[in-house]
Amino acid sequence: MKPPTALEDTTIRYVLAHAHETNGWLDLTRICSQTARMLPDVRRAVARLARRGQLQVDESAAHSERWIRFLVPGLESDPEAVPPRIPAP
């Protein structure tokens, strides 16, 4: 297996550090902001990491373009999970 790219490495670290904050949900634009990469690039990195088994995406959750729910230690799959509501500024 080839080593992760810089974007993949940052994505793994970010998911593991922040997924517990919102019950596994993560707004991928946060990774975009940190890495200066576009959302499609981050989504492709997440897909590659999931295919390799380095990240586990909750396939039963209702994902959107920005929001994906990750399964990290301590969280279980939840078919009725929806992204958290972020209050408007």
PDB file of N, CA and C in Angstrom:
ATOM      1  N   MET A   1       0.848  -1.176   0.000  1.00  0.00           N
ATOM      2  CA  MET A   1       0.000   0.000   0.000  1.00  0.00           C
ATOM      3  C   MET A   1       0.896   1.243   0.000  1.00  0.00           C
ATOM      4  N   LYS A   2       0.542   2.192  -0.847  1.00  0.00           N
ATOM      5  CA  LYS A   2       1.358   3.402  -0.897  1.00  0.00           C
ATOM      6  C   LYS A   2       1.001   4.317   0.281  1.00  0.00           C
ATOM      7  N   PRO A   3       1.948   5.121   0.721  1.00  0.00           N
ATOM      8  CA  PRO A   3       1.701   5.998   1.870  1.00  0.00           C
ATOM      9  C   PRO A   3       0.654   7.062   1.537  1.00  0.00           C
ATOM     10  N   PRO A   4      -0.039   7.565   2.563  1.00  0.00           N
ATOM     11  CA  PRO A   4      -1.055   8.588   2.300  1.00  0.00           C
ATOM     12  C   PRO A   4      -0.423   9.882   1.796  1.00  0.00           C
ATOM     13  N   THR A   5      -1.182  10.576   0.963  1.00  0.00           N
ATOM     14  CA  THR A   5      -0.741  11.894   0.496  1.00  0.00           C
ATOM     15  C   THR A   5      -0.845  12.870   1.673  1.00  0.00           C
ATOM     16  N   ALA A   6      -0.330  14.065   1.496  1.00  0.00           N
ATOM     17  CA  ALA A   6      -0.411  15.078   2.551  1.00  0.00           C
ATOM     18  C   ALA A   6      -1.871  15.392   2.882  1.00  0.00           C
ATOM     19  N   LEU A   7      -2.726  15.469   1.856  1.00  0.00           N
ATOM     20  CA  LEU A   7      -4.142  15.734   2.089  1.00  0.00           C
ATOM     21  C   LEU A   7      -4.800  14.579   2.836  1.00  0.00           C
ATOM     22  N   GLU A   8      -4.489  13.350   2.451  1.00  0.00           N
ATOM     23  CA  GLU A   8      -5.061  12.190   3.146  1.00  0.00           C
ATOM     24  C   GLU A   8      -4.606  12.145   4.598  1.00  0.00           C
ATOM     25  N   ASP A   9      -3.342  12.409   4.837  1.00  0.00           N
ATOM     26  CA  ASP A   9      -2.820  12.407   6.204  1.00  0.00           C
ATOM     27  C   ASP A   9      -3.524  13.466   7.054  1.00  0.00           C
ATOM     28  N   THR A  10      -3.656  14.660   6.513  1.00  0.00           N
ATOM     29  CA  THR A  10      -4.342  15.729   7.244  1.00  0.00           C
ATOM     30  C   THR A  10      -5.798  15.370   7.486  1.00  0.00           C
ATOM     31  N   THR A  11      -6.437  14.749   6.510  1.00  0.00           N
ATOM     32  CA  THR A  11      -7.839  14.358   6.647  1.00  0.00           C
ATOM     33  C   THR A  11      -8.015  13.347   7.771  1.00  0.00           C
ATOM     34  N   ILE A  12      -7.171  12.324   7.799  1.00  0.00           N
ATOM     35  CA  ILE A  12      -7.250  11.324   8.870  1.00  0.00           C
ATOM     36  C   ILE A  12      -7.094  11.995  10.235  1.00  0.00           C
ATOM     37  N   ARG A  13      -6.081  12.802  10.365  1.00  0.00           N
ATOM     38  CA  ARG A  13      -5.818  13.470  11.648  1.00  0.00           C
ATOM     39  C   ARG A  13      -6.984  14.366  12.057  1.00  0.00           C
ATOM     40  N   TYR A  14      -7.543  15.084  11.102  1.00  0.00           N
ATOM     41  CA  TYR A  14      -8.643  15.998  11.404  1.00  0.00           C
ATOM     42  C   TYR A  14      -9.891  15.232  11.832  1.00  0.00           C
ATOM     43  N   VAL A  15     -10.197  14.157  11.112  1.00  0.00           N
ATOM     44  CA  VAL A  15     -11.369  13.350  11.462  1.00  0.00           C
ATOM     45  C   VAL A  15     -11.210  12.776  12.863  1.00  0.00           C
ATOM     46  N   LEU A  16     -10.071  12.186  13.150  1.00  0.00           N
ATOM     47  CA  LEU A  16      -9.869  11.584  14.469  1.00  0.00           C
ATOM     48  C   LEU A  16      -9.879  12.623  15.586  1.00  0.00           C
ATOM     49  N   ALA A  17      -9.417  13.817  15.308  1.00  0.00           N
ATOM     50  CA  ALA A  17      -9.372  14.866  16.333  1.00  0.00           C
ATOM     51  C   ALA A  17     -10.729  15.528  16.569  1.00  0.00           C
ATOM     52  N   HIS A  18     -11.604  15.575  15.546  1.00  0.00           N
ATOM     53  CA  HIS A  18     -12.816  16.382  15.662  1.00  0.00           C
ATOM     54  C   HIS A  18     -14.142  15.647  15.505  1.00  0.00           C
ATOM     55  N   ALA A  19     -14.136  14.404  15.078  1.00  0.00           N
ATOM     56  CA  ALA A  19     -15.400  13.703  14.811  1.00  0.00           C
ATOM     57  C   ALA A  19     -16.252  13.528  16.064  1.00  0.00           C
ATOM     58  N   HIS A  20     -15.644  13.430  17.225  1.00  0.00           N
ATOM     59  CA  HIS A  20     -16.424  13.251  18.451  1.00  0.00           C
ATOM     60  C   HIS A  20     -17.188  14.516  18.848  1.00  0.00           C
ATOM     61  N   GLU A  21     -16.783  15.646  18.338  1.00  0.00           N
ATOM     62  CA  GLU A  21     -17.436  16.903  18.706  1.00  0.00           C
ATOM     63  C   GLU A  21     -18.896  16.938  18.293  1.00  0.00           C
ATOM     64  N   THR A  22     -19.230  16.279  17.189  1.00  0.00           N
ATOM     65  CA  THR A  22     -20.596  16.322  16.666  1.00  0.00           C
ATOM     66  C   THR A  22     -21.101  14.918  16.342  1.00  0.00           C
ATOM     67  N   ASN A  23     -20.842  13.986  17.248  1.00  0.00           N
ATOM     68  CA  ASN A  23     -21.340  12.617  17.128  1.00  0.00           C
ATOM     69  C   ASN A  23     -20.937  11.963  15.802  1.00  0.00           C
ATOM     70  N   GLY A  24     -19.731  12.219  15.359  1.00  0.00           N
ATOM     71  CA  GLY A  24     -19.211  11.606  14.138  1.00  0.00           C
ATOM     72  C   GLY A  24     -19.367  12.444  12.886  1.00  0.00           C
ATOM     73  N   TRP A  25     -20.234  13.446  12.932  1.00  0.00           N
ATOM     74  CA  TRP A  25     -20.450  14.303  11.756  1.00  0.00           C
ATOM     75  C   TRP A  25     -19.294  15.270  11.602  1.00  0.00           C
ATOM     76  N   LEU A  26     -18.897  15.484  10.360  1.00  0.00           N
ATOM     77  CA  LEU A  26     -17.837  16.441  10.094  1.00  0.00           C
ATOM     78  C   LEU A  26     -18.153  17.224   8.828  1.00  0.00           C
ATOM     79  N   ASP A  27     -18.051  18.525   8.923  1.00  0.00           N
ATOM     80  CA  ASP A  27     -18.225  19.418   7.780  1.00  0.00           C
ATOM     81  C   ASP A  27     -16.890  19.438   7.039  1.00  0.00           C
ATOM     82  N   LEU A  28     -16.870  18.862   5.858  1.00  0.00           N
ATOM     83  CA  LEU A  28     -15.618  18.736   5.105  1.00  0.00           C
ATOM     84  C   LEU A  28     -15.020  20.076   4.725  1.00  0.00           C
ATOM     85  N   THR A  29     -15.806  21.136   4.732  1.00  0.00           N
ATOM     86  CA  THR A  29     -15.236  22.451   4.409  1.00  0.00           C
ATOM     87  C   THR A  29     -14.246  22.904   5.487  1.00  0.00           C
ATOM     88  N   ARG A  30     -14.341  22.314   6.675  1.00  0.00           N
ATOM     89  CA  ARG A  30     -13.345  22.625   7.713  1.00  0.00           C
ATOM     90  C   ARG A  30     -11.975  22.100   7.294  1.00  0.00           C
ATOM     91  N   ILE A  31     -11.959  20.931   6.672  1.00  0.00           N
ATOM     92  CA  ILE A  31     -10.695  20.389   6.162  1.00  0.00           C
ATOM     93  C   ILE A  31     -10.217  21.230   4.986  1.00  0.00           C
ATOM     94  N   CYS A  32     -11.155  21.671   4.150  1.00  0.00           N
ATOM     95  CA  CYS A  32     -10.808  22.546   3.024  1.00  0.00           C
ATOM     96  C   CYS A  32     -10.116  23.812   3.531  1.00  0.00           C
ATOM     97  N   SER A  33     -10.665  24.408   4.569  1.00  0.00           N
ATOM     98  CA  SER A  33     -10.092  25.640   5.122  1.00  0.00           C
ATOM     99  C   SER A  33      -8.694  25.413   5.657  1.00  0.00           C
ATOM    100  N   GLN A  34      -8.491  24.268   6.296  1.00  0.00           N
ATOM    101  CA  GLN A  34      -7.193  23.984   6.893  1.00  0.00           C
ATOM    102  C   GLN A  34      -6.133  23.654   5.843  1.00  0.00           C
ATOM    103  N   THR A  35      -6.551  23.028   4.752  1.00  0.00           N
ATOM    104  CA  THR A  35      -5.580  22.559   3.753  1.00  0.00           C
ATOM    105  C   THR A  35      -5.516  23.408   2.492  1.00  0.00           C
ATOM    106  N   ALA A  36      -6.421  24.371   2.355  1.00  0.00           N
ATOM    107  CA  ALA A  36      -6.513  25.205   1.151  1.00  0.00           C
ATOM    108  C   ALA A  36      -6.789  24.360  -0.087  1.00  0.00           C
ATOM    109  N   ARG A  37      -7.563  23.289   0.088  1.00  0.00           N
ATOM    110  CA  ARG A  37      -7.953  22.424  -1.026  1.00  0.00           C
ATOM    111  C   ARG A  37      -9.448  22.564  -1.250  1.00  0.00           C
ATOM    112  N   MET A  38      -9.890  22.282  -2.456  1.00  0.00           N
ATOM    113  CA  MET A  38     -11.296  22.389  -2.815  1.00  0.00           C
ATOM    114  C   MET A  38     -12.075  21.176  -2.274  1.00  0.00           C
ATOM    115  N   LEU A  39     -13.384  21.371  -2.081  1.00  0.00           N
ATOM    116  CA  LEU A  39     -14.236  20.321  -1.535  1.00  0.00           C
ATOM    117  C   LEU A  39     -14.170  19.019  -2.344  1.00  0.00           C
ATOM    118  N   PRO A  40     -14.193  19.053  -3.685  1.00  0.00           N
ATOM    119  CA  PRO A  40     -14.095  17.786  -4.425  1.00  0.00           C
ATOM    120  C   PRO A  40     -12.792  17.020  -4.127  1.00  0.00           C
ATOM    121  N   ASP A  41     -11.689  17.747  -3.923  1.00  0.00           N
ATOM    122  CA  ASP A  41     -10.419  17.094  -3.584  1.00  0.00           C
ATOM    123  C   ASP A  41     -10.528  16.382  -2.239  1.00  0.00           C
ATOM    124  N   VAL A  42     -11.140  17.044  -1.271  1.00  0.00           N
ATOM    125  CA  VAL A  42     -11.283  16.458   0.067  1.00  0.00           C
ATOM    126  C   VAL A  42     -12.223  15.256   0.007  1.00  0.00           C
ATOM    127  N   ARG A  43     -13.309  15.373  -0.742  1.00  0.00           N
ATOM    128  CA  ARG A  43     -14.242  14.242  -0.872  1.00  0.00           C
ATOM    129  C   ARG A  43     -13.550  13.033  -1.514  1.00  0.00           C
ATOM    130  N   ARG A  44     -12.713  13.270  -2.519  1.00  0.00           N
ATOM    131  CA  ARG A  44     -11.973  12.165  -3.144  1.00  0.00           C
ATOM    132  C   ARG A  44     -10.991  11.544  -2.156  1.00  0.00           C
ATOM    133  N   ALA A  45     -10.336  12.372  -1.350  1.00  0.00           N
ATOM    134  CA  ALA A  45      -9.404  11.855  -0.342  1.00  0.00           C
ATOM    135  C   ALA A  45     -10.145  10.984   0.668  1.00  0.00           C
ATOM    136  N   VAL A  46     -11.318  11.430   1.105  1.00  0.00           N
ATOM    137  CA  VAL A  46     -12.123  10.641   2.042  1.00  0.00           C
ATOM    138  C   VAL A  46     -12.514   9.315   1.403  1.00  0.00           C
ATOM    139  N   ALA A  47     -12.921   9.345   0.151  1.00  0.00           N
ATOM    140  CA  ALA A  47     -13.315   8.115  -0.544  1.00  0.00           C
ATOM    141  C   ALA A  47     -12.141   7.140  -0.652  1.00  0.00           C
ATOM    142  N   ARG A  48     -10.958   7.643  -0.973  1.00  0.00           N
ATOM    143  CA  ARG A  48      -9.775   6.772  -1.059  1.00  0.00           C
ATOM    144  C   ARG A  48      -9.461   6.155   0.300  1.00  0.00           C
ATOM    145  N   LEU A  49      -9.516   6.973   1.354  1.00  0.00           N
ATOM    146  CA  LEU A  49      -9.231   6.478   2.700  1.00  0.00           C
ATOM    147  C   LEU A  49     -10.259   5.439   3.139  1.00  0.00           C
ATOM    148  N   ALA A  50     -11.508   5.643   2.769  1.00  0.00           N
ATOM    149  CA  ALA A  50     -12.555   4.675   3.111  1.00  0.00           C
ATOM    150  C   ALA A  50     -12.339   3.362   2.351  1.00  0.00           C
ATOM    151  N   ARG A  51     -11.977   3.447   1.065  1.00  0.00           N
ATOM    152  CA  ARG A  51     -11.717   2.231   0.277  1.00  0.00           C
ATOM    153  C   ARG A  51     -10.573   1.421   0.866  1.00  0.00           C
ATOM    154  N   ARG A  52      -9.563   2.118   1.366  1.00  0.00           N
ATOM    155  CA  ARG A  52      -8.402   1.450   1.955  1.00  0.00           C
ATOM    156  C   ARG A  52      -8.661   0.975   3.383  1.00  0.00           C
ATOM    157  N   GLY A  53      -9.786   1.367   3.952  1.00  0.00           N
ATOM    158  CA  GLY A  53     -10.108   0.973   5.320  1.00  0.00           C
ATOM    159  C   GLY A  53      -9.431   1.820   6.381  1.00  0.00           C
ATOM    160  N   GLN A  54      -8.895   2.983   5.984  1.00  0.00           N
ATOM    161  CA  GLN A  54      -8.217   3.850   6.941  1.00  0.00           C
ATOM    162  C   GLN A  54      -9.181   4.780   7.656  1.00  0.00           C
ATOM    163  N   LEU A  55     -10.349   5.016   7.079  1.00  0.00           N
ATOM    164  CA  LEU A  55     -11.444   5.745   7.717  1.00  0.00           C
ATOM    165  C   LEU A  55     -12.709   4.952   7.455  1.00  0.00           C
ATOM    166  N   GLN A  56     -13.626   5.002   8.406  1.00  0.00           N
ATOM    167  CA  GLN A  56     -14.895   4.310   8.216  1.00  0.00           C
ATOM    168  C   GLN A  56     -16.015   5.336   8.170  1.00  0.00           C
ATOM    169  N   VAL A  57     -16.725   5.359   7.047  1.00  0.00           N
ATOM    170  CA  VAL A  57     -17.845   6.272   6.841  1.00  0.00           C
ATOM    171  C   VAL A  57     -19.123   5.525   7.203  1.00  0.00           C
ATOM    172  N   ASP A  58     -20.027   6.185   7.918  1.00  0.00           N
ATOM    173  CA  ASP A  58     -21.311   5.585   8.272  1.00  0.00           C
ATOM    174  C   ASP A  58     -22.201   5.642   7.034  1.00  0.00           C
ATOM    175  N   GLU A  59     -22.266   4.548   6.307  1.00  0.00           N
ATOM    176  CA  GLU A  59     -23.023   4.506   5.048  1.00  0.00           C
ATOM    177  C   GLU A  59     -24.526   4.604   5.270  1.00  0.00           C
ATOM    178  N   SER A  60     -24.990   4.345   6.494  1.00  0.00           N
ATOM    179  CA  SER A  60     -26.427   4.398   6.757  1.00  0.00           C
ATOM    180  C   SER A  60     -26.913   5.820   7.054  1.00  0.00           C
ATOM    181  N   ALA A  61     -25.998   6.748   7.291  1.00  0.00           N
ATOM    182  CA  ALA A  61     -26.375   8.131   7.607  1.00  0.00           C
ATOM    183  C   ALA A  61     -26.654   8.910   6.320  1.00  0.00           C
ATOM    184  N   ALA A  62     -27.476   9.941   6.451  1.00  0.00           N
ATOM    185  CA  ALA A  62     -27.866  10.772   5.301  1.00  0.00           C
ATOM    186  C   ALA A  62     -26.810  11.853   5.060  1.00  0.00           C
ATOM    187  N   HIS A  63     -25.818  11.540   4.231  1.00  0.00           N
ATOM    188  CA  HIS A  63     -24.736  12.487   3.941  1.00  0.00           C
ATOM    189  C   HIS A  63     -25.194  13.558   2.965  1.00  0.00           C
ATOM    190  N   SER A  64     -24.479  14.668   2.969  1.00  0.00           N
ATOM    191  CA  SER A  64     -24.701  15.715   1.982  1.00  0.00           C
ATOM    192  C   SER A  64     -23.368  15.991   1.297  1.00  0.00           C
ATOM    193  N   GLU A  65     -23.336  16.991   0.454  1.00  0.00           N
ATOM    194  CA  GLU A  65     -22.088  17.341  -0.227  1.00  0.00           C
ATOM    195  C   GLU A  65     -21.004  17.732   0.777  1.00  0.00           C
ATOM    196  N   ARG A  66     -21.388  18.460   1.824  1.00  0.00           N
ATOM    197  CA  ARG A  66     -20.430  18.951   2.824  1.00  0.00           C
ATOM    198  C   ARG A  66     -20.277  18.040   4.027  1.00  0.00           C
ATOM    199  N   TRP A  67     -21.357  17.438   4.476  1.00  0.00           N
ATOM    200  CA  TRP A  67     -21.368  16.693   5.729  1.00  0.00           C
ATOM    201  C   TRP A  67     -21.265  15.191   5.509  1.00  0.00           C
ATOM    202  N   ILE A  68     -20.353  14.553   6.237  1.00  0.00           N
ATOM    203  CA  ILE A  68     -20.201  13.103   6.231  1.00  0.00           C
ATOM    204  C   ILE A  68     -20.080  12.654   7.684  1.00  0.00           C
ATOM    205  N   ARG A  69     -20.714  11.518   7.987  1.00  0.00           N
ATOM    206  CA  ARG A  69     -20.609  10.967   9.342  1.00  0.00           C
ATOM    207  C   ARG A  69     -19.589   9.835   9.319  1.00  0.00           C
ATOM    208  N   PHE A  70     -18.600   9.961  10.182  1.00  0.00           N
ATOM    209  CA  PHE A  70     -17.550   8.963  10.309  1.00  0.00           C
ATOM    210  C   PHE A  70     -17.807   8.110  11.529  1.00  0.00           C
ATOM    211  N   LEU A  71     -17.449   6.844  11.434  1.00  0.00           N
ATOM    212  CA  LEU A  71     -17.514   5.962  12.586  1.00  0.00           C
ATOM    213  C   LEU A  71     -16.111   5.905  13.174  1.00  0.00           C
ATOM    214  N   VAL A  72     -15.992   6.419  14.362  1.00  0.00           N
ATOM    215  CA  VAL A  72     -14.719   6.418  15.074  1.00  0.00           C
ATOM    216  C   VAL A  72     -14.929   5.653  16.373  1.00  0.00           C
ATOM    217  N   PRO A  73     -13.859   5.235  17.030  1.00  0.00           N
ATOM    218  CA  PRO A  73     -14.019   4.476  18.271  1.00  0.00           C
ATOM    219  C   PRO A  73     -14.978   5.186  19.245  1.00  0.00           C
ATOM    220  N   GLY A  74     -15.936   4.424  19.734  1.00  0.00           N
ATOM    221  CA  GLY A  74     -16.914   4.966  20.668  1.00  0.00           C
ATOM    222  C   GLY A  74     -18.230   5.350  20.020  1.00  0.00           C
ATOM    223  N   LEU A  75     -18.307   5.354  18.686  1.00  0.00           N
ATOM    224  CA  LEU A  75     -19.539   5.686  17.976  1.00  0.00           C
ATOM    225  C   LEU A  75     -20.032   4.471  17.204  1.00  0.00           C
ATOM    226  N   GLU A  76     -21.341   4.309  17.156  1.00  0.00           N
ATOM    227  CA  GLU A  76     -21.930   3.216  16.388  1.00  0.00           C
ATOM    228  C   GLU A  76     -22.748   3.788  15.244  1.00  0.00           C
ATOM    229  N   SER A  77     -22.994   2.954  14.241  1.00  0.00           N
ATOM    230  CA  SER A  77     -23.807   3.364  13.104  1.00  0.00           C
ATOM    231  C   SER A  77     -25.199   3.748  13.577  1.00  0.00           C
ATOM    232  N   ASP A  78     -25.774   4.775  12.961  1.00  0.00           N
ATOM    233  CA  ASP A  78     -27.107   5.248  13.317  1.00  0.00           C
ATOM    234  C   ASP A  78     -27.830   5.612  12.022  1.00  0.00           C
ATOM    235  N   PRO A  79     -28.738   4.729  11.538  1.00  0.00           N
ATOM    236  CA  PRO A  79     -29.414   4.984  10.265  1.00  0.00           C
ATOM    237  C   PRO A  79     -30.240   6.264  10.243  1.00  0.00           C
ATOM    238  N   GLU A  80     -30.631   6.763  11.396  1.00  0.00           N
ATOM    239  CA  GLU A  80     -31.447   7.976  11.436  1.00  0.00           C
ATOM    240  C   GLU A  80     -30.612   9.226  11.709  1.00  0.00           C
ATOM    241  N   ALA A  81     -29.293   9.085  11.689  1.00  0.00           N
ATOM    242  CA  ALA A  81     -28.424  10.225  11.974  1.00  0.00           C
ATOM    243  C   ALA A  81     -28.523  11.278  10.867  1.00  0.00           C
ATOM    244  N   VAL A  82     -28.618  12.509  11.276  1.00  0.00           N
ATOM    245  CA  VAL A  82     -28.626  13.641  10.335  1.00  0.00           C
ATOM    246  C   VAL A  82     -27.574  14.640  10.787  1.00  0.00           C
ATOM    247  N   PRO A  83     -27.037  15.434   9.865  1.00  0.00           N
ATOM    248  CA  PRO A  83     -26.034  16.411  10.243  1.00  0.00           C
ATOM    249  C   PRO A  83     -26.551  17.366  11.305  1.00  0.00           C
ATOM    250  N   PRO A  84     -25.682  17.840  12.182  1.00  0.00           N
ATOM    251  CA  PRO A  84     -26.114  18.784  13.215  1.00  0.00           C
ATOM    252  C   PRO A  84     -26.532  20.118  12.600  1.00  0.00           C
ATOM    253  N   ARG A  85     -27.422  20.787  13.270  1.00  0.00           N
ATOM    254  CA  ARG A  85     -27.827  22.132  12.822  1.00  0.00           C
ATOM    255  C   ARG A  85     -26.853  23.135  13.406  1.00  0.00           C
ATOM    256  N   ILE A  86     -26.298  23.936  12.547  1.00  0.00           N
ATOM    257  CA  ILE A  86     -25.365  24.976  12.965  1.00  0.00           C
ATOM    258  C   ILE A  86     -26.154  26.272  13.024  1.00  0.00           C
ATOM    259  N   PRO A  87     -26.174  26.917  14.195  1.00  0.00           N
ATOM    260  CA  PRO A  87     -26.945  28.165  14.294  1.00  0.00           C
ATOM    261  C   PRO A  87     -26.413  29.247  13.364  1.00  0.00           C
ATOM    262  N   ALA A  88     -27.313  29.990  12.791  1.00  0.00           N
ATOM    263  CA  ALA A  88     -26.921  31.093  11.911  1.00  0.00           C
ATOM    264  C   ALA A  88     -26.269  32.198  12.725  1.00  0.00           C
ATOM    265  N   PRO A  89     -25.267  32.857  12.138  1.00  0.00           N
ATOM    266  CA  PRO A  89     -24.581  33.937  12.879  1.00  0.00           C
ATOM    267  C   PRO A  89     -25.467  35.134  13.119  1.00  0.00           C
TER     268      PRO A  89
END
